Amino acid sequence: MADAVRAFLDMILVANTRRGYATAPAALVAAFGPDSDAGLLEPERVGGWFTFRWGDKSAQTFNVRLAALPGM
């Protein structure tokens, strides 16, 4: 998963945008492990983790973090 996150962030050319978008994927890697196969993560498990992690934040923060997770 860490390699996929790096590849995703490398596609974002604007440094400030890349930094902002790095928060959610970095937390995902920390929670599920850098060697996890992102394709095998259960959507319900990731959704539960995401809601626990950002569910009490503002709608703007929640949506920016969600947008930063490719394929979600």
Protein backbone atom coordinates (compact mmCIF):
# COMPACT_ATOMS: atom_id res chain seq x y z
CA MET A 1 0.00 0.00 0.00
CA ALA A 2 2.85 2.40 0.73
CA ASP A 3 4.02 2.14 -2.88
CA ALA A 4 0.52 2.85 -4.18
CA VAL A 5 0.23 5.90 -1.93
CA ARG A 6 3.58 7.21 -3.15
CA ALA A 7 2.56 6.71 -6.78
CA PHE A 8 -0.75 8.50 -6.17
CA LEU A 9 0.89 11.46 -4.44
CA ASP A 10 3.60 11.70 -7.11
CA MET A 11 0.86 12.47 -9.64
CA ILE A 12 -0.09 15.63 -7.73
CA LEU A 13 2.24 18.35 -8.97
CA VAL A 14 1.23 21.24 -6.69
CA ALA A 15 3.18 20.89 -3.42
CA ASN A 16 0.49 22.37 -1.15
CA THR A 17 -2.18 20.13 -2.65
CA ARG A 18 0.10 17.10 -2.32
CA ARG A 19 0.73 17.89 1.36
CA GLY A 20 -3.00 18.27 2.02
CA TYR A 21 -3.86 15.09 0.21
CA ALA A 22 -1.10 13.11 1.95
CA THR A 23 -2.83 13.13 5.35
CA ALA A 24 -5.51 10.51 4.72
CA PRO A 25 -3.37 8.04 2.73
CA ALA A 26 -0.58 8.29 5.34
CA ALA A 27 -3.08 7.53 8.09
CA LEU A 28 -4.45 4.61 6.06
CA VAL A 29 -0.95 3.16 5.66
CA ALA A 30 -0.29 3.64 9.38
CA ALA A 31 -3.56 1.92 10.31
CA PHE A 32 -3.41 -1.03 7.91
CA GLY A 33 0.35 -1.41 7.34
CA PRO A 34 2.66 -0.37 4.53
CA ASP A 35 2.75 -3.88 3.07
CA SER A 36 -1.05 -4.28 2.96
CA ASP A 37 -2.60 -5.08 -0.39
CA ALA A 38 -4.97 -2.15 -0.92
CA GLY A 39 -7.05 -4.25 -3.32
CA LEU A 40 -7.80 -6.76 -0.59
CA LEU A 41 -8.97 -4.32 2.08
CA GLU A 42 -12.64 -4.79 2.88
CA PRO A 43 -14.62 -1.63 2.06
CA GLU A 44 -16.65 -1.94 5.28
CA ARG A 45 -13.49 -2.10 7.36
CA VAL A 46 -11.92 0.90 5.63
CA GLY A 47 -15.21 2.80 5.85
CA GLY A 48 -15.47 2.09 9.57
CA TRP A 49 -11.89 3.17 10.14
CA PHE A 50 -12.42 6.33 8.07
CA THR A 51 -15.60 7.30 9.92
CA PHE A 52 -13.93 6.65 13.28
CA ARG A 53 -10.91 8.73 12.25
CA TRP A 54 -12.67 11.71 10.61
CA GLY A 55 -16.37 11.32 11.38
CA ASP A 56 -16.38 14.05 14.03
CA LYS A 57 -14.50 16.59 11.88
CA SER A 58 -16.06 19.35 9.80
CA ALA A 59 -17.79 18.37 6.58
CA GLN A 60 -15.04 20.11 4.63
CA THR A 61 -12.26 18.16 6.37
CA PHE A 62 -14.18 14.91 6.06
CA ASN A 63 -14.74 15.42 2.33
CA VAL A 64 -11.14 16.50 1.60
CA ARG A 65 -9.80 13.44 3.42
CA LEU A 66 -12.26 11.19 1.59
CA ALA A 67 -11.31 12.69 -1.77
CA ALA A 68 -7.67 11.92 -1.00
CA LEU A 69 -8.35 8.18 -0.86
CA PRO A 70 -8.31 6.90 -4.44
CA GLY A 71 -11.05 4.47 -5.24
CA MET A 72 -13.16 5.21 -2.18
